[in-house]
Amino acid sequence: MRSWVATYYSTHSKPFETKLTDLHKLSGSAATFTKFKGQLRDALDELKASDVPLEARIERYETDAMAFMDSKTITVHMAAWAKGR
């Protein structure tokens, strides 16, 4: 999941809101939607680490709900975008 998330977002040039159901379909994950959301959250958190290359590093993400597992949409901000890359 981590590799897919990094690759997917590295192909974009700016943040935009995305439905989690769309990400589930695009990823090709066979996991249930609930399990996928947990895997996605874990992957996003792992990609925030300072040892992740800038092009793949997540600066932050925002969801439409206080609890990630209750979310329907997400907006991801890549660290490279903040650096003007």
PDB file of N, CA and C in Angstrom:
ATOM      1  N   MET A   1       0.832  -1.186   0.000  1.00  0.00           N
ATOM      2  CA  MET A   1       0.000   0.000   0.000  1.00  0.00           C
ATOM      3  C   MET A   1       0.879   1.253   0.000  1.00  0.00           C
ATOM      4  N   ARG A   2       1.947   1.219   0.790  1.00  0.00           N
ATOM      5  CA  ARG A   2       2.816   2.393   0.891  1.00  0.00           C
ATOM      6  C   ARG A   2       3.380   2.781  -0.482  1.00  0.00           C
ATOM      7  N   SER A   3       3.850   1.806  -1.240  1.00  0.00           N
ATOM      8  CA  SER A   3       4.414   2.083  -2.574  1.00  0.00           C
ATOM      9  C   SER A   3       3.349   2.635  -3.508  1.00  0.00           C
ATOM     10  N   TRP A   4       2.160   2.052  -3.467  1.00  0.00           N
ATOM     11  CA  TRP A   4       1.098   2.528  -4.342  1.00  0.00           C
ATOM     12  C   TRP A   4       0.725   3.972  -4.000  1.00  0.00           C
ATOM     13  N   VAL A   5       0.568   4.275  -2.728  1.00  0.00           N
ATOM     14  CA  VAL A   5       0.215   5.637  -2.304  1.00  0.00           C
ATOM     15  C   VAL A   5       1.287   6.627  -2.760  1.00  0.00           C
ATOM     16  N   ALA A   6       2.546   6.300  -2.534  1.00  0.00           N
ATOM     17  CA  ALA A   6       3.643   7.197  -2.919  1.00  0.00           C
ATOM     18  C   ALA A   6       3.645   7.427  -4.425  1.00  0.00           C
ATOM     19  N   THR A   7       3.476   6.366  -5.191  1.00  0.00           N
ATOM     20  CA  THR A   7       3.472   6.490  -6.646  1.00  0.00           C
ATOM     21  C   THR A   7       2.271   7.284  -7.126  1.00  0.00           C
ATOM     22  N   TYR A   8       1.092   6.980  -6.597  1.00  0.00           N
ATOM     23  CA  TYR A   8      -0.129   7.663  -7.017  1.00  0.00           C
ATOM     24  C   TYR A   8      -0.024   9.171  -6.794  1.00  0.00           C
ATOM     25  N   TYR A   9       0.341   9.580  -5.612  1.00  0.00           N
ATOM     26  CA  TYR A   9       0.384  11.015  -5.319  1.00  0.00           C
ATOM     27  C   TYR A   9       1.580  11.714  -5.949  1.00  0.00           C
ATOM     28  N   SER A  10       2.662  11.009  -6.208  1.00  0.00           N
ATOM     29  CA  SER A  10       3.820  11.651  -6.832  1.00  0.00           C
ATOM     30  C   SER A  10       3.547  12.031  -8.286  1.00  0.00           C
ATOM     31  N   THR A  11       2.491  11.475  -8.883  1.00  0.00           N
ATOM     32  CA  THR A  11       2.142  11.825 -10.258  1.00  0.00           C
ATOM     33  C   THR A  11       1.271  13.073 -10.334  1.00  0.00           C
ATOM     34  N   HIS A  12       0.903  13.639  -9.205  1.00  0.00           N
ATOM     35  CA  HIS A  12       0.070  14.838  -9.166  1.00  0.00           C
ATOM     36  C   HIS A  12       0.930  16.065  -8.845  1.00  0.00           C
ATOM     37  N   SER A  13       0.434  17.227  -9.215  1.00  0.00           N
ATOM     38  CA  SER A  13       1.213  18.445  -8.994  1.00  0.00           C
ATOM     39  C   SER A  13       0.650  19.340  -7.900  1.00  0.00           C
ATOM     40  N   LYS A  14      -0.523  18.993  -7.390  1.00  0.00           N
ATOM     41  CA  LYS A  14      -1.118  19.796  -6.322  1.00  0.00           C
ATOM     42  C   LYS A  14      -2.159  18.956  -5.587  1.00  0.00           C
ATOM     43  N   PRO A  15      -2.509  19.383  -4.385  1.00  0.00           N
ATOM     44  CA  PRO A  15      -3.510  18.625  -3.615  1.00  0.00           C
ATOM     45  C   PRO A  15      -4.921  18.802  -4.183  1.00  0.00           C
ATOM     46  N   PHE A  16      -5.718  17.752  -4.078  1.00  0.00           N
ATOM     47  CA  PHE A  16      -7.131  17.836  -4.421  1.00  0.00           C
ATOM     48  C   PHE A  16      -7.883  16.779  -3.627  1.00  0.00           C
ATOM     49  N   GLU A  17      -9.120  17.082  -3.339  1.00  0.00           N
ATOM     50  CA  GLU A  17      -9.946  16.173  -2.557  1.00  0.00           C
ATOM     51  C   GLU A  17     -10.299  14.939  -3.389  1.00  0.00           C
ATOM     52  N   THR A  18     -10.175  13.773  -2.781  1.00  0.00           N
ATOM     53  CA  THR A  18     -10.454  12.509  -3.465  1.00  0.00           C
ATOM     54  C   THR A  18     -11.341  11.649  -2.576  1.00  0.00           C
ATOM     55  N   LYS A  19     -12.298  10.993  -3.179  1.00  0.00           N
ATOM     56  CA  LYS A  19     -13.140  10.067  -2.431  1.00  0.00           C
ATOM     57  C   LYS A  19     -12.317   8.841  -2.070  1.00  0.00           C
ATOM     58  N   LEU A  20     -12.467   8.377  -0.846  1.00  0.00           N
ATOM     59  CA  LEU A  20     -11.761   7.169  -0.417  1.00  0.00           C
ATOM     60  C   LEU A  20     -12.222   5.950  -1.205  1.00  0.00           C
ATOM     61  N   THR A  21     -13.484   5.926  -1.614  1.00  0.00           N
ATOM     62  CA  THR A  21     -13.961   4.803  -2.429  1.00  0.00           C
ATOM     63  C   THR A  21     -13.241   4.781  -3.775  1.00  0.00           C
ATOM     64  N   ASP A  22     -12.944   5.955  -4.335  1.00  0.00           N
ATOM     65  CA  ASP A  22     -12.200   6.010  -5.594  1.00  0.00           C
ATOM     66  C   ASP A  22     -10.777   5.487  -5.407  1.00  0.00           C
ATOM     67  N   LEU A  23     -10.130   5.880  -4.315  1.00  0.00           N
ATOM     68  CA  LEU A  23      -8.782   5.388  -4.040  1.00  0.00           C
ATOM     69  C   LEU A  23      -8.781   3.875  -3.869  1.00  0.00           C
ATOM     70  N   HIS A  24      -9.809   3.358  -3.210  1.00  0.00           N
ATOM     71  CA  HIS A  24      -9.924   1.907  -3.013  1.00  0.00           C
ATOM     72  C   HIS A  24      -9.971   1.210  -4.372  1.00  0.00           C
ATOM     73  N   LYS A  25     -10.795   1.715  -5.275  1.00  0.00           N
ATOM     74  CA  LYS A  25     -10.912   1.117  -6.610  1.00  0.00           C
ATOM     75  C   LYS A  25      -9.610   1.258  -7.390  1.00  0.00           C
ATOM     76  N   LEU A  26      -9.035   2.461  -7.398  1.00  0.00           N
ATOM     77  CA  LEU A  26      -7.809   2.716  -8.159  1.00  0.00           C
ATOM     78  C   LEU A  26      -6.639   1.860  -7.677  1.00  0.00           C
ATOM     79  N   SER A  27      -6.595   1.605  -6.384  1.00  0.00           N
ATOM     80  CA  SER A  27      -5.473   0.844  -5.826  1.00  0.00           C
ATOM     81  C   SER A  27      -5.502  -0.632  -6.227  1.00  0.00           C
ATOM     82  N   GLY A  28      -6.687  -1.121  -6.569  1.00  0.00           N
ATOM     83  CA  GLY A  28      -6.826  -2.533  -6.890  1.00  0.00           C
ATOM     84  C   GLY A  28      -6.801  -3.435  -5.666  1.00  0.00           C
ATOM     85  N   SER A  29      -6.916  -2.833  -4.501  1.00  0.00           N
ATOM     86  CA  SER A  29      -6.876  -3.592  -3.254  1.00  0.00           C
ATOM     87  C   SER A  29      -8.050  -4.560  -3.158  1.00  0.00           C
ATOM     88  N   ALA A  30      -7.750  -5.776  -2.709  1.00  0.00           N
ATOM     89  CA  ALA A  30      -8.793  -6.779  -2.488  1.00  0.00           C
ATOM     90  C   ALA A  30      -9.340  -6.705  -1.066  1.00  0.00           C
ATOM     91  N   ALA A  31      -8.777  -5.829  -0.258  1.00  0.00           N
ATOM     92  CA  ALA A  31      -9.220  -5.682   1.134  1.00  0.00           C
ATOM     93  C   ALA A  31     -10.618  -5.085   1.186  1.00  0.00           C
ATOM     94  N   THR A  32     -11.330  -5.378   2.262  1.00  0.00           N
ATOM     95  CA  THR A  32     -12.617  -4.717   2.462  1.00  0.00           C
ATOM     96  C   THR A  32     -12.368  -3.217   2.553  1.00  0.00           C
ATOM     97  N   PHE A  33     -13.385  -2.426   2.337  1.00  0.00           N
ATOM     98  CA  PHE A  33     -13.222  -0.973   2.368  1.00  0.00           C
ATOM     99  C   PHE A  33     -12.727  -0.506   3.738  1.00  0.00           C
ATOM    100  N   THR A  34     -13.253  -1.074   4.791  1.00  0.00           N
ATOM    101  CA  THR A  34     -12.824  -0.702   6.138  1.00  0.00           C
ATOM    102  C   THR A  34     -11.349  -1.037   6.359  1.00  0.00           C
ATOM    103  N   LYS A  35     -10.947  -2.224   5.948  1.00  0.00           N
ATOM    104  CA  LYS A  35      -9.545  -2.618   6.095  1.00  0.00           C
ATOM    105  C   LYS A  35      -8.649  -1.735   5.221  1.00  0.00           C
ATOM    106  N   PHE A  36      -9.103  -1.421   4.018  1.00  0.00           N
ATOM    107  CA  PHE A  36      -8.352  -0.545   3.126  1.00  0.00           C
ATOM    108  C   PHE A  36      -8.102   0.817   3.774  1.00  0.00           C
ATOM    109  N   LYS A  37      -9.131   1.383   4.403  1.00  0.00           N
ATOM    110  CA  LYS A  37      -8.958   2.695   5.041  1.00  0.00           C
ATOM    111  C   LYS A  37      -7.893   2.636   6.125  1.00  0.00           C
ATOM    112  N   GLY A  38      -7.859   1.578   6.886  1.00  0.00           N
ATOM    113  CA  GLY A  38      -6.822   1.419   7.907  1.00  0.00           C
ATOM    114  C   GLY A  38      -5.440   1.293   7.284  1.00  0.00           C
ATOM    115  N   GLN A  39      -5.347   0.517   6.199  1.00  0.00           N
ATOM    116  CA  GLN A  39      -4.067   0.357   5.503  1.00  0.00           C
ATOM    117  C   GLN A  39      -3.610   1.673   4.884  1.00  0.00           C
ATOM    118  N   LEU A  40      -4.551   2.422   4.326  1.00  0.00           N
ATOM    119  CA  LEU A  40      -4.239   3.721   3.728  1.00  0.00           C
ATOM    120  C   LEU A  40      -3.723   4.685   4.793  1.00  0.00           C
ATOM    121  N   ARG A  41      -4.419   4.765   5.909  1.00  0.00           N
ATOM    122  CA  ARG A  41      -3.993   5.642   7.000  1.00  0.00           C
ATOM    123  C   ARG A  41      -2.584   5.278   7.457  1.00  0.00           C
ATOM    124  N   ASP A  42      -2.317   3.995   7.632  1.00  0.00           N
ATOM    125  CA  ASP A  42      -0.985   3.551   8.062  1.00  0.00           C
ATOM    126  C   ASP A  42       0.081   3.931   7.037  1.00  0.00           C
ATOM    127  N   ALA A  43      -0.231   3.725   5.753  1.00  0.00           N
ATOM    128  CA  ALA A  43       0.728   4.055   4.694  1.00  0.00           C
ATOM    129  C   ALA A  43       1.005   5.558   4.664  1.00  0.00           C
ATOM    130  N   LEU A  44      -0.033   6.362   4.780  1.00  0.00           N
ATOM    131  CA  LEU A  44       0.148   7.815   4.789  1.00  0.00           C
ATOM    132  C   LEU A  44       1.012   8.248   5.968  1.00  0.00           C
ATOM    133  N   ASP A  45       0.757   7.680   7.129  1.00  0.00           N
ATOM    134  CA  ASP A  45       1.545   8.022   8.314  1.00  0.00           C
ATOM    135  C   ASP A  45       3.003   7.600   8.149  1.00  0.00           C
ATOM    136  N   GLU A  46       3.241   6.432   7.554  1.00  0.00           N
ATOM    137  CA  GLU A  46       4.611   5.975   7.311  1.00  0.00           C
ATOM    138  C   GLU A  46       5.330   6.899   6.330  1.00  0.00           C
ATOM    139  N   LEU A  47       4.596   7.406   5.352  1.00  0.00           N
ATOM    140  CA  LEU A  47       5.196   8.272   4.336  1.00  0.00           C
ATOM    141  C   LEU A  47       5.462   9.690   4.844  1.00  0.00           C
ATOM    142  N   LYS A  48       5.087   9.993   6.051  1.00  0.00           N
ATOM    143  CA  LYS A  48       5.387  11.294   6.652  1.00  0.00           C
ATOM    144  C   LYS A  48       6.769  11.326   7.307  1.00  0.00           C
ATOM    145  N   ALA A  49       7.423  10.196   7.403  1.00  0.00           N
ATOM    146  CA  ALA A  49       8.716  10.094   8.088  1.00  0.00           C
ATOM    147  C   ALA A  49       9.797  10.884   7.343  1.00  0.00           C
ATOM    148  N   SER A  50      10.711  11.447   8.101  1.00  0.00           N
ATOM    149  CA  SER A  50      11.761  12.290   7.518  1.00  0.00           C
ATOM    150  C   SER A  50      12.737  11.511   6.642  1.00  0.00           C
ATOM    151  N   ASP A  51      12.801  10.188   6.795  1.00  0.00           N
ATOM    152  CA  ASP A  51      13.717   9.401   5.970  1.00  0.00           C
ATOM    153  C   ASP A  51      13.115   8.980   4.627  1.00  0.00           C
ATOM    154  N   VAL A  52      11.869   9.350   4.382  1.00  0.00           N
ATOM    155  CA  VAL A  52      11.231   9.073   3.095  1.00  0.00           C
ATOM    156  C   VAL A  52      11.724  10.126   2.097  1.00  0.00           C
ATOM    157  N   PRO A  53      12.120   9.720   0.889  1.00  0.00           N
ATOM    158  CA  PRO A  53      12.573  10.706  -0.102  1.00  0.00           C
ATOM    159  C   PRO A  53      11.527  11.803  -0.319  1.00  0.00           C
ATOM    160  N   LEU A  54      11.994  13.019  -0.529  1.00  0.00           N
ATOM    161  CA  LEU A  54      11.113  14.182  -0.658  1.00  0.00           C
ATOM    162  C   LEU A  54      10.004  13.955  -1.689  1.00  0.00           C
ATOM    163  N   GLU A  55      10.313  13.323  -2.803  1.00  0.00           N
ATOM    164  CA  GLU A  55       9.339  13.120  -3.874  1.00  0.00           C
ATOM    165  C   GLU A  55       8.188  12.198  -3.459  1.00  0.00           C
ATOM    166  N   ALA A  56       8.400  11.391  -2.439  1.00  0.00           N
ATOM    167  CA  ALA A  56       7.373  10.456  -1.975  1.00  0.00           C
ATOM    168  C   ALA A  56       6.805  10.830  -0.611  1.00  0.00           C
ATOM    169  N   ARG A  57       7.421  11.804   0.045  1.00  0.00           N
ATOM    170  CA  ARG A  57       7.029  12.136   1.424  1.00  0.00           C
ATOM    171  C   ARG A  57       5.715  12.912   1.473  1.00  0.00           C
ATOM    172  N   ILE A  58       4.871  12.503   2.397  1.00  0.00           N
ATOM    173  CA  ILE A  58       3.605  13.188   2.656  1.00  0.00           C
ATOM    174  C   ILE A  58       3.863  14.266   3.702  1.00  0.00           C
ATOM    175  N   GLU A  59       3.470  15.485   3.399  1.00  0.00           N
ATOM    176  CA  GLU A  59       3.589  16.566   4.383  1.00  0.00           C
ATOM    177  C   GLU A  59       2.453  16.473   5.396  1.00  0.00           C
ATOM    178  N   ARG A  60       1.236  16.305   4.869  1.00  0.00           N
ATOM    179  CA  ARG A  60       0.061  16.161   5.737  1.00  0.00           C
ATOM    180  C   ARG A  60      -1.109  15.677   4.887  1.00  0.00           C
ATOM    181  N   TYR A  61      -2.157  15.252   5.577  1.00  0.00           N
ATOM    182  CA  TYR A  61      -3.396  14.914   4.881  1.00  0.00           C
ATOM    183  C   TYR A  61      -4.562  15.379   5.727  1.00  0.00           C
ATOM    184  N   GLU A  62      -5.658  15.662   5.040  1.00  0.00           N
ATOM    185  CA  GLU A  62      -6.863  16.162   5.703  1.00  0.00           C
ATOM    186  C   GLU A  62      -8.043  15.305   5.250  1.00  0.00           C
ATOM    187  N   THR A  63      -8.918  15.014   6.186  1.00  0.00           N
ATOM    188  CA  THR A  63     -10.121  14.253   5.857  1.00  0.00           C
ATOM    189  C   THR A  63     -11.352  15.079   6.211  1.00  0.00           C
ATOM    190  N   ASP A  64     -12.494  14.620   5.765  1.00  0.00           N
ATOM    191  CA  ASP A  64     -13.741  15.332   6.010  1.00  0.00           C
ATOM    192  C   ASP A  64     -14.382  14.963   7.349  1.00  0.00           C
ATOM    193  N   ALA A  65     -13.734  14.128   8.131  1.00  0.00           N
ATOM    194  CA  ALA A  65     -14.258  13.728   9.437  1.00  0.00           C
ATOM    195  C   ALA A  65     -13.139  13.766  10.471  1.00  0.00           C
ATOM    196  N   MET A  66     -13.491  13.927  11.721  1.00  0.00           N
ATOM    197  CA  MET A  66     -12.492  13.961  12.793  1.00  0.00           C
ATOM    198  C   MET A  66     -11.742  12.636  12.894  1.00  0.00           C
ATOM    199  N   ALA A  67     -12.463  11.542  12.793  1.00  0.00           N
ATOM    200  CA  ALA A  67     -11.844  10.216  12.861  1.00  0.00           C
ATOM    201  C   ALA A  67     -11.616   9.709  11.438  1.00  0.00           C
ATOM    202  N   PHE A  68     -10.387   9.311  11.140  1.00  0.00           N
ATOM    203  CA  PHE A  68     -10.050   8.866   9.787  1.00  0.00           C
ATOM    204  C   PHE A  68     -11.001   7.783   9.301  1.00  0.00           C
ATOM    205  N   MET A  69     -11.310   6.836  10.155  1.00  0.00           N
ATOM    206  CA  MET A  69     -12.138   5.706   9.737  1.00  0.00           C
ATOM    207  C   MET A  69     -13.578   6.110   9.410  1.00  0.00           C
ATOM    208  N   ASP A  70     -13.989   7.309   9.821  1.00  0.00           N
ATOM    209  CA  ASP A  70     -15.325   7.822   9.486  1.00  0.00           C
ATOM    210  C   ASP A  70     -15.315   8.675   8.222  1.00  0.00           C
ATOM    211  N   SER A  71     -14.145   8.894   7.658  1.00  0.00           N
ATOM    212  CA  SER A  71     -13.994   9.793   6.519  1.00  0.00           C
ATOM    213  C   SER A  71     -14.527   9.203   5.228  1.00  0.00           C
ATOM    214  N   LYS A  72     -14.954  10.121   4.352  1.00  0.00           N
ATOM    215  CA  LYS A  72     -15.386   9.755   3.011  1.00  0.00           C
ATOM    216  C   LYS A  72     -14.444  10.328   1.958  1.00  0.00           C
ATOM    217  N   THR A  73     -13.748  11.430   2.295  1.00  0.00           N
ATOM    218  CA  THR A  73     -12.817  12.058   1.362  1.00  0.00           C
ATOM    219  C   THR A  73     -11.503  12.388   2.063  1.00  0.00           C
ATOM    220  N   ILE A  74     -10.461  12.563   1.241  1.00  0.00           N
ATOM    221  CA  ILE A  74      -9.143  12.898   1.761  1.00  0.00           C
ATOM    222  C   ILE A  74      -8.454  13.858   0.792  1.00  0.00           C
ATOM    223  N   THR A  75      -7.664  14.757   1.349  1.00  0.00           N
ATOM    224  CA  THR A  75      -6.795  15.628   0.571  1.00  0.00           C
ATOM    225  C   THR A  75      -5.389  15.432   1.104  1.00  0.00           C
ATOM    226  N   VAL A  76      -4.488  15.021   0.223  1.00  0.00           N
ATOM    227  CA  VAL A  76      -3.109  14.737   0.598  1.00  0.00           C
ATOM    228  C   VAL A  76      -2.205  15.848   0.085  1.00  0.00           C
ATOM    229  N   HIS A  77      -1.268  16.282   0.922  1.00  0.00           N
ATOM    230  CA  HIS A  77      -0.291  17.316   0.560  1.00  0.00           C
ATOM    231  C   HIS A  77       1.090  16.689   0.587  1.00  0.00           C
ATOM    232  N   MET A  78       1.744  16.681  -0.555  1.00  0.00           N
ATOM    233  CA  MET A  78       3.079  16.124  -0.668  1.00  0.00           C
ATOM    234  C   MET A  78       4.120  17.151  -0.219  1.00  0.00           C
ATOM    235  N   ALA A  79       5.187  16.697   0.419  1.00  0.00           N
ATOM    236  CA  ALA A  79       6.246  17.597   0.866  1.00  0.00           C
ATOM    237  C   ALA A  79       6.892  18.302  -0.311  1.00  0.00           C
ATOM    238  N   ALA A  80       7.042  17.618  -1.435  1.00  0.00           N
ATOM    239  CA  ALA A  80       7.670  18.217  -2.612  1.00  0.00           C
ATOM    240  C   ALA A  80       6.874  19.417  -3.130  1.00  0.00           C
ATOM    241  N   TRP A  81       5.555  19.394  -2.987  1.00  0.00           N
ATOM    242  CA  TRP A  81       4.752  20.511  -3.443  1.00  0.00           C
ATOM    243  C   TRP A  81       5.036  21.752  -2.618  1.00  0.00           C
ATOM    244  N   ALA A  82       5.256  21.569  -1.328  1.00  0.00           N
ATOM    245  CA  ALA A  82       5.562  22.692  -0.435  1.00  0.00           C
ATOM    246  C   ALA A  82       6.932  23.290  -0.775  1.00  0.00           C
ATOM    247  N   LYS A  83       7.813  22.473  -1.334  1.00  0.00           N
ATOM    248  CA  LYS A  83       9.156  22.918  -1.714  1.00  0.00           C
ATOM    249  C   LYS A  83       9.195  23.471  -3.125  1.00  0.00           C
ATOM    250  N   GLY A  84       8.044  23.499  -3.789  1.00  0.00           N
ATOM    251  CA  GLY A  84       7.967  24.034  -5.142  1.00  0.00           C
ATOM    252  C   GLY A  84       8.432  23.083  -6.222  1.00  0.00           C
ATOM    253  N   ARG A  85       8.419  21.805  -5.934  1.00  0.00           N
ATOM    254  CA  ARG A  85       8.845  20.808  -6.947  1.00  0.00           C
ATOM    255  C   ARG A  85       7.673  20.201  -7.642  1.00  0.00           C
TER     256      ARG A  85
END
